[in-house]
Amino acid sequence: SGGGLVEAGGSLRLSCAGSGRTFYAMGWFRQCPGKEREFVAAVA
């Protein structure tokens, strides 16, 4: 959750809730049309 439209220079905060089991690490990727999915950040 947390995506949306923002002006350049602005801020957004994304959230991700995992469930169903334990996780060693979680993170974020992003993808634009015609491009490969790109690593953004992760936390162990």
Full PDB file with SEQRES, HELIX, SHEET, SSBOND, CRYST1, ORIGX, SCALE, CONECT and MASTER records, all heavy atoms in Angstrom:
SEQRES   1 A   44  SER GLY GLY GLY LEU VAL GLU ALA GLY GLY SER LEU ARG          
SEQRES   2 A   44  LEU SER CYS ALA GLY SER GLY ARG THR PHE TYR ALA MET          
SEQRES   3 A   44  GLY TRP PHE ARG GLN CYS PRO GLY LYS GLU ARG GLU PHE          
SEQRES   4 A   44  VAL ALA ALA VAL ALA                                          
SHEET    1 AA1 2 MET A  26  ARG A  30  0                                        
SHEET    2 AA1 2 GLU A  38  VAL A  43 -1                                        
CRYST1    1.000    1.000    1.000  90.00  90.00  90.00 P 1           1          
ORIGX1      1.000000  0.000000  0.000000        0.00000                         
ORIGX2      0.000000  1.000000  0.000000        0.00000                         
ORIGX3      0.000000  0.000000  1.000000        0.00000                         
SCALE1      1.000000  0.000000  0.000000        0.00000                         
SCALE2      0.000000  1.000000  0.000000        0.00000                         
SCALE3      0.000000  0.000000  1.000000        0.00000                         
ATOM      1  N   SER A   1       0.846  -1.176   0.000  1.00  0.00           N  
ATOM      2  CA  SER A   1       0.000   0.000   0.000  1.00  0.00           C  
ATOM      3  C   SER A   1       0.890   1.237   0.000  1.00  0.00           C  
ATOM      4  O   SER A   1       2.082   1.149   0.285  1.00  0.00           O  
ATOM      5  CB  SER A   1      -0.947   0.018   1.203  1.00  0.00           C  
ATOM      6  OG  SER A   1      -0.228   0.067   2.420  1.00  0.00           O  
ATOM      7  N   GLY A   2       0.303   2.367  -0.306  1.00  0.00           N  
ATOM      8  CA  GLY A   2       1.005   3.630  -0.193  1.00  0.00           C  
ATOM      9  C   GLY A   2       1.414   4.287  -1.494  1.00  0.00           C  
ATOM     10  O   GLY A   2       1.905   5.423  -1.477  1.00  0.00           O  
ATOM     11  N   GLY A   3       1.229   3.608  -2.609  1.00  0.00           N  
ATOM     12  CA  GLY A   3       1.571   4.218  -3.876  1.00  0.00           C  
ATOM     13  C   GLY A   3       0.612   5.342  -4.221  1.00  0.00           C  
ATOM     14  O   GLY A   3      -0.435   5.511  -3.605  1.00  0.00           O  
ATOM     15  N   GLY A   4       0.991   6.107  -5.213  1.00  0.00           N  
ATOM     16  CA  GLY A   4       0.149   7.203  -5.640  1.00  0.00           C  
ATOM     17  C   GLY A   4       0.876   8.159  -6.545  1.00  0.00           C  
ATOM     18  O   GLY A   4       1.945   7.854  -7.073  1.00  0.00           O  
ATOM     19  N   LEU A   5       0.283   9.308  -6.711  1.00  0.00           N  
ATOM     20  CA  LEU A   5       0.821  10.366  -7.550  1.00  0.00           C  
ATOM     21  C   LEU A   5       1.410  11.449  -6.670  1.00  0.00           C  
ATOM     22  O   LEU A   5       0.757  11.918  -5.729  1.00  0.00           O  
ATOM     23  CB  LEU A   5      -0.286  10.945  -8.434  1.00  0.00           C  
ATOM     24  CG  LEU A   5       0.066  12.148  -9.300  1.00  0.00           C  
ATOM     25  CD1 LEU A   5       1.097  11.765 -10.351  1.00  0.00           C  
ATOM     26  CD2 LEU A   5      -1.197  12.695  -9.953  1.00  0.00           C  
ATOM     27  N   VAL A   6       2.630  11.844  -6.973  1.00  0.00           N  
ATOM     28  CA  VAL A   6       3.307  12.865  -6.189  1.00  0.00           C  
ATOM     29  C   VAL A   6       4.131  13.749  -7.117  1.00  0.00           C  
ATOM     30  O   VAL A   6       4.588  13.300  -8.169  1.00  0.00           O  
ATOM     31  CB  VAL A   6       4.199  12.216  -5.101  1.00  0.00           C  
ATOM     32  CG1 VAL A   6       5.345  11.437  -5.724  1.00  0.00           C  
ATOM     33  CG2 VAL A   6       4.721  13.257  -4.121  1.00  0.00           C  
ATOM     34  N   GLU A   7       4.297  14.991  -6.743  1.00  0.00           N  
ATOM     35  CA  GLU A   7       5.121  15.906  -7.519  1.00  0.00           C  
ATOM     36  C   GLU A   7       6.596  15.635  -7.273  1.00  0.00           C  
ATOM     37  O   GLU A   7       6.988  15.136  -6.219  1.00  0.00           O  
ATOM     38  CB  GLU A   7       4.800  17.354  -7.154  1.00  0.00           C  
ATOM     39  CG  GLU A   7       3.393  17.786  -7.509  1.00  0.00           C  
ATOM     40  CD  GLU A   7       3.115  19.227  -7.142  1.00  0.00           C  
ATOM     41  OE1 GLU A   7       3.995  19.874  -6.523  1.00  0.00           O  
ATOM     42  OE2 GLU A   7       2.031  19.723  -7.471  1.00  0.00           O  
ATOM     43  N   ALA A   8       7.420  15.965  -8.260  1.00  0.00           N  
ATOM     44  CA  ALA A   8       8.862  15.841  -8.096  1.00  0.00           C  
ATOM     45  C   ALA A   8       9.318  16.592  -6.854  1.00  0.00           C  
ATOM     46  O   ALA A   8       8.877  17.710  -6.585  1.00  0.00           O  
ATOM     47  CB  ALA A   8       9.577  16.368  -9.328  1.00  0.00           C  
ATOM     48  N   GLY A   9      10.207  15.957  -6.098  1.00  0.00           N  
ATOM     49  CA  GLY A   9      10.673  16.524  -4.851  1.00  0.00           C  
ATOM     50  C   GLY A   9       9.862  16.120  -3.646  1.00  0.00           C  
ATOM     51  O   GLY A   9      10.282  16.367  -2.504  1.00  0.00           O  
ATOM     52  N   GLY A  10       8.736  15.499  -3.875  1.00  0.00           N  
ATOM     53  CA  GLY A  10       7.864  15.084  -2.798  1.00  0.00           C  
ATOM     54  C   GLY A  10       8.248  13.737  -2.223  1.00  0.00           C  
ATOM     55  O   GLY A  10       9.277  13.155  -2.563  1.00  0.00           O  
ATOM     56  N   SER A  11       7.382  13.239  -1.352  1.00  0.00           N  
ATOM     57  CA  SER A  11       7.653  12.004  -0.632  1.00  0.00           C  
ATOM     58  C   SER A  11       6.454  11.076  -0.652  1.00  0.00           C  
ATOM     59  O   SER A  11       5.304  11.519  -0.727  1.00  0.00           O  
ATOM     60  CB  SER A  11       8.005  12.302   0.831  1.00  0.00           C  
ATOM     61  OG  SER A  11       9.173  13.091   0.940  1.00  0.00           O  
ATOM     62  N   LEU A  12       6.750   9.805  -0.570  1.00  0.00           N  
ATOM     63  CA  LEU A  12       5.745   8.771  -0.385  1.00  0.00           C  
ATOM     64  C   LEU A  12       6.305   7.725   0.557  1.00  0.00           C  
ATOM     65  O   LEU A  12       7.519   7.535   0.627  1.00  0.00           O  
ATOM     66  CB  LEU A  12       5.364   8.092  -1.700  1.00  0.00           C  
ATOM     67  CG  LEU A  12       4.453   8.836  -2.669  1.00  0.00           C  
ATOM     68  CD1 LEU A  12       4.364   8.056  -3.981  1.00  0.00           C  
ATOM     69  CD2 LEU A  12       3.075   9.038  -2.080  1.00  0.00           C  
ATOM     70  N   ARG A  13       5.424   7.034   1.244  1.00  0.00           N  
ATOM     71  CA  ARG A  13       5.817   5.942   2.115  1.00  0.00           C  
ATOM     72  C   ARG A  13       5.038   4.694   1.727  1.00  0.00           C  
ATOM     73  O   ARG A  13       3.811   4.672   1.837  1.00  0.00           O  
ATOM     74  CB  ARG A  13       5.556   6.294   3.577  1.00  0.00           C  
ATOM     75  CG  ARG A  13       6.005   5.238   4.593  1.00  0.00           C  
ATOM     76  CD  ARG A  13       5.843   5.784   5.999  1.00  0.00           C  
ATOM     77  NE  ARG A  13       6.242   4.866   7.040  1.00  0.00           N  
ATOM     78  CZ  ARG A  13       5.398   4.133   7.774  1.00  0.00           C  
ATOM     79  NH1 ARG A  13       4.088   4.215   7.556  1.00  0.00           N  
ATOM     80  NH2 ARG A  13       5.863   3.337   8.713  1.00  0.00           N  
ATOM     81  N   LEU A  14       5.750   3.690   1.279  1.00  0.00           N  
ATOM     82  CA  LEU A  14       5.141   2.428   0.909  1.00  0.00           C  
ATOM     83  C   LEU A  14       5.183   1.468   2.091  1.00  0.00           C  
ATOM     84  O   LEU A  14       6.125   1.481   2.885  1.00  0.00           O  
ATOM     85  CB  LEU A  14       5.868   1.789  -0.271  1.00  0.00           C  
ATOM     86  CG  LEU A  14       6.044   2.634  -1.534  1.00  0.00           C  
ATOM     87  CD1 LEU A  14       6.722   1.804  -2.619  1.00  0.00           C  
ATOM     88  CD2 LEU A  14       4.712   3.178  -2.022  1.00  0.00           C  
ATOM     89  N   SER A  15       4.173   0.628   2.178  1.00  0.00           N  
ATOM     90  CA  SER A  15       4.111  -0.395   3.207  1.00  0.00           C  
ATOM     91  C   SER A  15       3.853  -1.741   2.566  1.00  0.00           C  
ATOM     92  O   SER A  15       3.171  -1.836   1.546  1.00  0.00           O  
ATOM     93  CB  SER A  15       2.994  -0.097   4.213  1.00  0.00           C  
ATOM     94  OG  SER A  15       3.202   1.127   4.872  1.00  0.00           O  
ATOM     95  N   CYS A  16       4.376  -2.780   3.180  1.00  0.00           N  
ATOM     96  CA  CYS A  16       4.127  -4.137   2.726  1.00  0.00           C  
ATOM     97  C   CYS A  16       3.995  -5.036   3.941  1.00  0.00           C  
ATOM     98  O   CYS A  16       4.918  -5.106   4.760  1.00  0.00           O  
ATOM     99  CB  CYS A  16       5.258  -4.630   1.828  1.00  0.00           C  
ATOM    100  SG  CYS A  16       5.096  -6.364   1.331  1.00  0.00           S  
ATOM    101  N   ALA A  17       2.882  -5.720   4.037  1.00  0.00           N  
ATOM    102  CA  ALA A  17       2.626  -6.633   5.137  1.00  0.00           C  
ATOM    103  C   ALA A  17       2.679  -8.070   4.636  1.00  0.00           C  
ATOM    104  O   ALA A  17       1.923  -8.443   3.732  1.00  0.00           O  
ATOM    105  CB  ALA A  17       1.272  -6.344   5.767  1.00  0.00           C  
ATOM    106  N   GLY A  18       3.565  -8.850   5.215  1.00  0.00           N  
ATOM    107  CA  GLY A  18       3.678 -10.250   4.876  1.00  0.00           C  
ATOM    108  C   GLY A  18       2.937 -11.112   5.876  1.00  0.00           C  
ATOM    109  O   GLY A  18       2.841 -10.785   7.058  1.00  0.00           O  
ATOM    110  N   SER A  19       2.422 -12.226   5.397  1.00  0.00           N  
ATOM    111  CA  SER A  19       1.714 -13.142   6.277  1.00  0.00           C  
ATOM    112  C   SER A  19       1.798 -14.555   5.725  1.00  0.00           C  
ATOM    113  O   SER A  19       2.142 -14.768   4.561  1.00  0.00           O  
ATOM    114  CB  SER A  19       0.253 -12.724   6.452  1.00  0.00           C  
ATOM    115  OG  SER A  19      -0.441 -12.750   5.216  1.00  0.00           O  
ATOM    116  N   GLY A  20       1.470 -15.523   6.560  1.00  0.00           N  
ATOM    117  CA  GLY A  20       1.412 -16.908   6.137  1.00  0.00           C  
ATOM    118  C   GLY A  20       2.606 -17.742   6.522  1.00  0.00           C  
ATOM    119  O   GLY A  20       2.513 -18.975   6.533  1.00  0.00           O  
ATOM    120  N   ARG A  21       3.723 -17.113   6.845  1.00  0.00           N  
ATOM    121  CA  ARG A  21       4.930 -17.808   7.268  1.00  0.00           C  
ATOM    122  C   ARG A  21       5.954 -16.794   7.712  1.00  0.00           C  
ATOM    123  O   ARG A  21       5.723 -15.583   7.624  1.00  0.00           O  
ATOM    124  CB  ARG A  21       5.490 -18.696   6.147  1.00  0.00           C  
ATOM    125  CG  ARG A  21       5.937 -17.942   4.914  1.00  0.00           C  
ATOM    126  CD  ARG A  21       6.978 -18.762   4.146  1.00  0.00           C  
ATOM    127  NE  ARG A  21       8.215 -18.873   4.893  1.00  0.00           N  
ATOM    128  CZ  ARG A  21       9.026 -19.925   4.874  1.00  0.00           C  
ATOM    129  NH1 ARG A  21       8.710 -20.997   4.155  1.00  0.00           N  
ATOM    130  NH2 ARG A  21      10.148 -19.909   5.571  1.00  0.00           N  
ATOM    131  N   THR A  22       7.101 -17.273   8.159  1.00  0.00           N  
ATOM    132  CA  THR A  22       8.204 -16.383   8.502  1.00  0.00           C  
ATOM    133  C   THR A  22       8.988 -16.029   7.247  1.00  0.00           C  
ATOM    134  O   THR A  22       8.965 -16.748   6.246  1.00  0.00           O  
ATOM    135  CB  THR A  22       9.136 -17.013   9.535  1.00  0.00           C  
ATOM    136  OG1 THR A  22       9.659 -18.245   9.011  1.00  0.00           O  
ATOM    137  CG2 THR A  22       8.392 -17.306  10.826  1.00  0.00           C  
ATOM    138  N   PHE A  23       9.701 -14.911   7.305  1.00  0.00           N  
ATOM    139  CA  PHE A  23      10.510 -14.435   6.193  1.00  0.00           C  
ATOM    140  C   PHE A  23      11.891 -14.055   6.702  1.00  0.00           C  
ATOM    141  O   PHE A  23      12.018 -13.405   7.737  1.00  0.00           O  
ATOM    142  CB  PHE A  23       9.865 -13.226   5.528  1.00  0.00           C  
ATOM    143  CG  PHE A  23       8.459 -13.458   5.068  1.00  0.00           C  
ATOM    144  CD1 PHE A  23       7.388 -13.043   5.843  1.00  0.00           C  
ATOM    145  CD2 PHE A  23       8.206 -14.088   3.861  1.00  0.00           C  
ATOM    146  CE1 PHE A  23       6.092 -13.253   5.426  1.00  0.00           C  
ATOM    147  CE2 PHE A  23       6.912 -14.310   3.436  1.00  0.00           C  
ATOM    148  CZ  PHE A  23       5.852 -13.889   4.222  1.00  0.00           C  
ATOM    149  N   TYR A  24      12.918 -14.439   5.948  1.00  0.00           N  
ATOM    150  CA  TYR A  24      14.276 -14.041   6.306  1.00  0.00           C  
ATOM    151  C   TYR A  24      14.545 -12.593   5.928  1.00  0.00           C  
ATOM    152  O   TYR A  24      15.198 -11.858   6.672  1.00  0.00           O  
ATOM    153  CB  TYR A  24      15.296 -14.951   5.622  1.00  0.00           C  
ATOM    154  CG  TYR A  24      16.711 -14.490   5.842  1.00  0.00           C  
ATOM    155  CD1 TYR A  24      17.369 -14.774   7.032  1.00  0.00           C  
ATOM    156  CD2 TYR A  24      17.387 -13.757   4.870  1.00  0.00           C  
ATOM    157  CE1 TYR A  24      18.658 -14.344   7.253  1.00  0.00           C  
ATOM    158  CE2 TYR A  24      18.676 -13.329   5.080  1.00  0.00           C  
ATOM    159  CZ  TYR A  24      19.311 -13.624   6.276  1.00  0.00           C  
ATOM    160  OH  TYR A  24      20.597 -13.191   6.488  1.00  0.00           O  
ATOM    161  N   ALA A  25      14.073 -12.203   4.753  1.00  0.00           N  
ATOM    162  CA  ALA A  25      14.318 -10.861   4.266  1.00  0.00           C  
ATOM    163  C   ALA A  25      13.126 -10.385   3.465  1.00  0.00           C  
ATOM    164  O   ALA A  25      12.402 -11.183   2.861  1.00  0.00           O  
ATOM    165  CB  ALA A  25      15.574 -10.819   3.401  1.00  0.00           C  
ATOM    166  N   MET A  26      12.940  -9.088   3.449  1.00  0.00           N  
ATOM    167  CA  MET A  26      11.913  -8.466   2.635  1.00  0.00           C  
ATOM    168  C   MET A  26      12.498  -7.234   1.982  1.00  0.00           C  
ATOM    169  O   MET A  26      13.438  -6.630   2.498  1.00  0.00           O  
ATOM    170  CB  MET A  26      10.684  -8.096   3.473  1.00  0.00           C  
ATOM    171  CG  MET A  26       9.980  -9.299   4.078  1.00  0.00           C  
ATOM    172  SD  MET A  26       8.581  -8.868   5.146  1.00  0.00           S  
ATOM    173  CE  MET A  26       7.409  -8.222   3.930  1.00  0.00           C  
ATOM    174  N   GLY A  27      11.932  -6.873   0.854  1.00  0.00           N  
ATOM    175  CA  GLY A  27      12.455  -5.717   0.162  1.00  0.00           C  
ATOM    176  C   GLY A  27      11.541  -5.218  -0.927  1.00  0.00           C  
ATOM    177  O   GLY A  27      10.371  -5.596  -1.010  1.00  0.00           O  
ATOM    178  N   TRP A  28      12.105  -4.349  -1.742  1.00  0.00           N  
ATOM    179  CA  TRP A  28      11.356  -3.686  -2.793  1.00  0.00           C  
ATOM    180  C   TRP A  28      12.100  -3.716  -4.108  1.00  0.00           C  
ATOM    181  O   TRP A  28      13.320  -3.493  -4.148  1.00  0.00           O  
ATOM    182  CB  TRP A  28      11.086  -2.217  -2.426  1.00  0.00           C  
ATOM    183  CG  TRP A  28      10.240  -2.054  -1.210  1.00  0.00           C  
ATOM    184  CD1 TRP A  28      10.651  -1.929   0.078  1.00  0.00           C  
ATOM    185  CD2 TRP A  28       8.813  -2.000  -1.182  1.00  0.00           C  
ATOM    186  NE1 TRP A  28       9.582  -1.805   0.917  1.00  0.00           N  
ATOM    187  CE2 TRP A  28       8.436  -1.844   0.173  1.00  0.00           C  
ATOM    188  CE3 TRP A  28       7.819  -2.063  -2.155  1.00  0.00           C  
ATOM    189  CZ2 TRP A  28       7.100  -1.753   0.564  1.00  0.00           C  
ATOM    190  CZ3 TRP A  28       6.501  -1.977  -1.766  1.00  0.00           C  
ATOM    191  CH2 TRP A  28       6.158  -1.822  -0.420  1.00  0.00           C  
ATOM    192  N   PHE A  29      11.378  -3.997  -5.168  1.00  0.00           N  
ATOM    193  CA  PHE A  29      11.839  -3.855  -6.538  1.00  0.00           C  
ATOM    194  C   PHE A  29      10.901  -2.902  -7.252  1.00  0.00           C  
ATOM    195  O   PHE A  29       9.788  -2.641  -6.790  1.00  0.00           O  
ATOM    196  CB  PHE A  29      11.844  -5.204  -7.260  1.00  0.00           C  
ATOM    197  CG  PHE A  29      12.970  -6.120  -6.864  1.00  0.00           C  
ATOM    198  CD1 PHE A  29      13.015  -6.712  -5.617  1.00  0.00           C  
ATOM    199  CD2 PHE A  29      13.986  -6.402  -7.771  1.00  0.00           C  
ATOM    200  CE1 PHE A  29      14.042  -7.556  -5.260  1.00  0.00           C  
ATOM    201  CE2 PHE A  29      15.022  -7.262  -7.430  1.00  0.00           C  
ATOM    202  CZ  PHE A  29      15.051  -7.829  -6.171  1.00  0.00           C  
ATOM    203  N   ARG A  30      11.340  -2.412  -8.398  1.00  0.00           N  
ATOM    204  CA  ARG A  30      10.461  -1.582  -9.211  1.00  0.00           C  
ATOM    205  C   ARG A  30      10.646  -1.941 -10.673  1.00  0.00           C  
ATOM    206  O   ARG A  30      11.693  -2.444 -11.074  1.00  0.00           O  
ATOM    207  CB  ARG A  30      10.720  -0.094  -8.981  1.00  0.00           C  
ATOM    208  CG  ARG A  30      12.101   0.392  -9.385  1.00  0.00           C  
ATOM    209  CD  ARG A  30      12.303   1.819  -8.918  1.00  0.00           C  
ATOM    210  NE  ARG A  30      13.589   2.361  -9.333  1.00  0.00           N  
ATOM    211  CZ  ARG A  30      14.053   3.540  -8.959  1.00  0.00           C  
ATOM    212  NH1 ARG A  30      13.326   4.319  -8.151  1.00  0.00           N  
ATOM    213  NH2 ARG A  30      15.238   3.958  -9.383  1.00  0.00           N  
ATOM    214  N   GLN A  31       9.619  -1.656 -11.462  1.00  0.00           N  
ATOM    215  CA  GLN A  31       9.650  -2.019 -12.860  1.00  0.00           C  
ATOM    216  C   GLN A  31       8.883  -1.000 -13.685  1.00  0.00           C  
ATOM    217  O   GLN A  31       7.751  -0.642 -13.360  1.00  0.00           O  
ATOM    218  CB  GLN A  31       9.056  -3.408 -13.071  1.00  0.00           C  
ATOM    219  CG  GLN A  31       9.211  -3.951 -14.476  1.00  0.00           C  
ATOM    220  CD  GLN A  31       8.862  -5.419 -14.554  1.00  0.00           C  
ATOM    221  OE1 GLN A  31       8.065  -5.923 -13.766  1.00  0.00           O  
ATOM    222  NE2 GLN A  31       9.466  -6.116 -15.504  1.00  0.00           N  
ATOM    223  N   CYS A  32       9.510  -0.565 -14.755  1.00  0.00           N  
ATOM    224  CA  CYS A  32       8.883   0.300 -15.738  1.00  0.00           C  
ATOM    225  C   CYS A  32       8.565  -0.522 -16.974  1.00  0.00           C  
ATOM    226  O   CYS A  32       9.217  -1.535 -17.243  1.00  0.00           O  
ATOM    227  CB  CYS A  32       9.804   1.450 -16.117  1.00  0.00           C  
ATOM    228  SG  CYS A  32      10.233   2.548 -14.763  1.00  0.00           S  
ATOM    229  N   PRO A  33       7.573  -0.086 -17.761  1.00  0.00           N  
ATOM    230  CA  PRO A  33       7.259  -0.813 -18.989  1.00  0.00           C  
ATOM    231  C   PRO A  33       8.479  -0.951 -19.887  1.00  0.00           C  
ATOM    232  O   PRO A  33       9.206   0.012 -20.123  1.00  0.00           O  
ATOM    233  CB  PRO A  33       6.185   0.050 -19.643  1.00  0.00           C  
ATOM    234  CG  PRO A  33       5.534   0.755 -18.500  1.00  0.00           C  
ATOM    235  CD  PRO A  33       6.654   1.035 -17.536  1.00  0.00           C  
ATOM    236  N   GLY A  34       8.717  -2.164 -20.366  1.00  0.00           N  
ATOM    237  CA  GLY A  34       9.830  -2.417 -21.255  1.00  0.00           C  
ATOM    238  C   GLY A  34      11.170  -2.603 -20.583  1.00  0.00           C  
ATOM    239  O   GLY A  34      12.182  -2.792 -21.263  1.00  0.00           O  
ATOM    240  N   LYS A  35      11.202  -2.541 -19.252  1.00  0.00           N  
ATOM    241  CA  LYS A  35      12.444  -2.702 -18.518  1.00  0.00           C  
ATOM    242  C   LYS A  35      12.353  -3.893 -17.572  1.00  0.00           C  
ATOM    243  O   LYS A  35      11.269  -4.329 -17.201  1.00  0.00           O  
ATOM    244  CB  LYS A  35      12.777  -1.443 -17.716  1.00  0.00           C  
ATOM    245  CG  LYS A  35      13.040  -0.213 -18.562  1.00  0.00           C  
ATOM    246  CD  LYS A  35      13.431   0.968 -17.691  1.00  0.00           C  
ATOM    247  CE  LYS A  35      13.733   2.195 -18.523  1.00  0.00           C  
ATOM    248  NZ  LYS A  35      14.119   3.352 -17.670  1.00  0.00           N  
ATOM    249  N   GLU A  36      13.516  -4.402 -17.194  1.00  0.00           N  
ATOM    250  CA  GLU A  36      13.567  -5.489 -16.232  1.00  0.00           C  
ATOM    251  C   GLU A  36      13.268  -4.973 -14.831  1.00  0.00           C  
ATOM    252  O   GLU A  36      13.469  -3.802 -14.520  1.00  0.00           O  
ATOM    253  CB  GLU A  36      14.938  -6.164 -16.252  1.00  0.00           C  
ATOM    254  CG  GLU A  36      15.267  -6.869 -17.552  1.00  0.00           C  
ATOM    255  CD  GLU A  36      16.601  -7.574 -17.499  1.00  0.00           C  
ATOM    256  OE1 GLU A  36      17.347  -7.391 -16.521  1.00  0.00           O  
ATOM    257  OE2 GLU A  36      16.897  -8.316 -18.452  1.00  0.00           O  
ATOM    258  N   ARG A  37      12.782  -5.869 -13.998  1.00  0.00           N  
ATOM    259  CA  ARG A  37      12.538  -5.519 -12.618  1.00  0.00           C  
ATOM    260  C   ARG A  37      13.863  -5.179 -11.929  1.00  0.00           C  
ATOM    261  O   ARG A  37      14.837  -5.923 -12.028  1.00  0.00           O  
ATOM    262  CB  ARG A  37      11.826  -6.665 -11.905  1.00  0.00           C  
ATOM    263  CG  ARG A  37      11.216  -6.283 -10.577  1.00  0.00           C  
ATOM    264  CD  ARG A  37      10.232  -7.348 -10.093  1.00  0.00           C  
ATOM    265  NE  ARG A  37       9.068  -7.455 -10.959  1.00  0.00           N  
ATOM    266  CZ  ARG A  37       8.014  -8.203 -10.691  1.00  0.00           C  
ATOM    267  NH1 ARG A  37       7.971  -8.926  -9.571  1.00  0.00           N  
ATOM    268  NH2 ARG A  37       6.993  -8.246 -11.538  1.00  0.00           N  
ATOM    269  N   GLU A  38      13.895  -4.060 -11.225  1.00  0.00           N  
ATOM    270  CA  GLU A  38      15.115  -3.488 -10.675  1.00  0.00           C  
ATOM    271  C   GLU A  38      15.078  -3.497  -9.153  1.00  0.00           C  
ATOM    272  O   GLU A  38      14.099  -3.067  -8.539  1.00  0.00           O  
ATOM    273  CB  GLU A  38      15.275  -2.056 -11.188  1.00  0.00           C  
ATOM    274  CG  GLU A  38      16.437  -1.279 -10.596  1.00  0.00           C  
ATOM    275  CD  GLU A  38      16.384   0.191 -10.955  1.00  0.00           C  
ATOM    276  OE1 GLU A  38      15.284   0.699 -11.259  1.00  0.00           O  
ATOM    277  OE2 GLU A  38      17.451   0.837 -10.950  1.00  0.00           O  
ATOM    278  N   PHE A  39      16.165  -3.941  -8.552  1.00  0.00           N  
ATOM    279  CA  PHE A  39      16.288  -3.912  -7.100  1.00  0.00           C  
ATOM    280  C   PHE A  39      16.300  -2.484  -6.587  1.00  0.00           C  
ATOM    281  O   PHE A  39      16.954  -1.614  -7.160  1.00  0.00           O  
ATOM    282  CB  PHE A  39      17.577  -4.623  -6.678  1.00  0.00           C  
ATOM    283  CG  PHE A  39      17.865  -4.533  -5.212  1.00  0.00           C  
ATOM    284  CD1 PHE A  39      17.230  -5.372  -4.316  1.00  0.00           C  
ATOM    285  CD2 PHE A  39      18.770  -3.610  -4.723  1.00  0.00           C  
ATOM    286  CE1 PHE A  39      17.487  -5.298  -2.960  1.00  0.00           C  
ATOM    287  CE2 PHE A  39      19.041  -3.524  -3.374  1.00  0.00           C  
ATOM    288  CZ  PHE A  39      18.392  -4.369  -2.493  1.00  0.00           C  
ATOM    289  N   VAL A  40      15.590  -2.254  -5.482  1.00  0.00           N  
ATOM    290  CA  VAL A  40      15.556  -0.946  -4.855  1.00  0.00           C  
ATOM    291  C   VAL A  40      16.188  -0.982  -3.468  1.00  0.00           C  
ATOM    292  O   VAL A  40      17.133  -0.250  -3.179  1.00  0.00           O  
ATOM    293  CB  VAL A  40      14.117  -0.399  -4.760  1.00  0.00           C  
ATOM    294  CG1 VAL A  40      14.096   0.939  -4.022  1.00  0.00           C  
ATOM    295  CG2 VAL A  40      13.509  -0.257  -6.151  1.00  0.00           C  
ATOM    296  N   ALA A  41      15.656  -1.826  -2.595  1.00  0.00           N  
ATOM    297  CA  ALA A  41      16.143  -1.906  -1.214  1.00  0.00           C  
ATOM    298  C   ALA A  41      15.654  -3.188  -0.582  1.00  0.00           C  
ATOM    299  O   ALA A  41      14.644  -3.758  -1.000  1.00  0.00           O  
ATOM    300  CB  ALA A  41      15.672  -0.698  -0.398  1.00  0.00           C  
ATOM    301  N   ALA A  42      16.352  -3.634   0.453  1.00  0.00           N  
ATOM    302  CA  ALA A  42      15.938  -4.816   1.190  1.00  0.00           C  
ATOM    303  C   ALA A  42      16.465  -4.750   2.612  1.00  0.00           C  
ATOM    304  O   ALA A  42      17.436  -4.038   2.901  1.00  0.00           O  
ATOM    305  CB  ALA A  42      16.433  -6.099   0.511  1.00  0.00           C  
ATOM    306  N   VAL A  43      15.829  -5.499   3.491  1.00  0.00           N  
ATOM    307  CA  VAL A  43      16.280  -5.632   4.865  1.00  0.00           C  
ATOM    308  C   VAL A  43      16.253  -7.104   5.248  1.00  0.00           C  
ATOM    309  O   VAL A  43      15.291  -7.812   4.954  1.00  0.00           O  
ATOM    310  CB  VAL A  43      15.424  -4.787   5.840  1.00  0.00           C  
ATOM    311  CG1 VAL A  43      13.946  -5.174   5.767  1.00  0.00           C  
ATOM    312  CG2 VAL A  43      15.935  -4.919   7.267  1.00  0.00           C  
ATOM    313  N   ALA A  44      17.338  -7.560   5.867  1.00  0.00           N  
ATOM    314  CA  ALA A  44      17.391  -8.896   6.452  1.00  0.00           C  
ATOM    315  C   ALA A  44      17.008  -8.768   7.916  1.00  0.00           C  
ATOM    316  O   ALA A  44      17.656  -8.034   8.663  1.00  0.00           O  
ATOM    317  CB  ALA A  44      18.789  -9.488   6.308  1.00  0.00           C  
TER     318      ALA A  44                                                      
MASTER        0    0    0    0    2    0    0    6  317    1    0    4          
END                                                                             
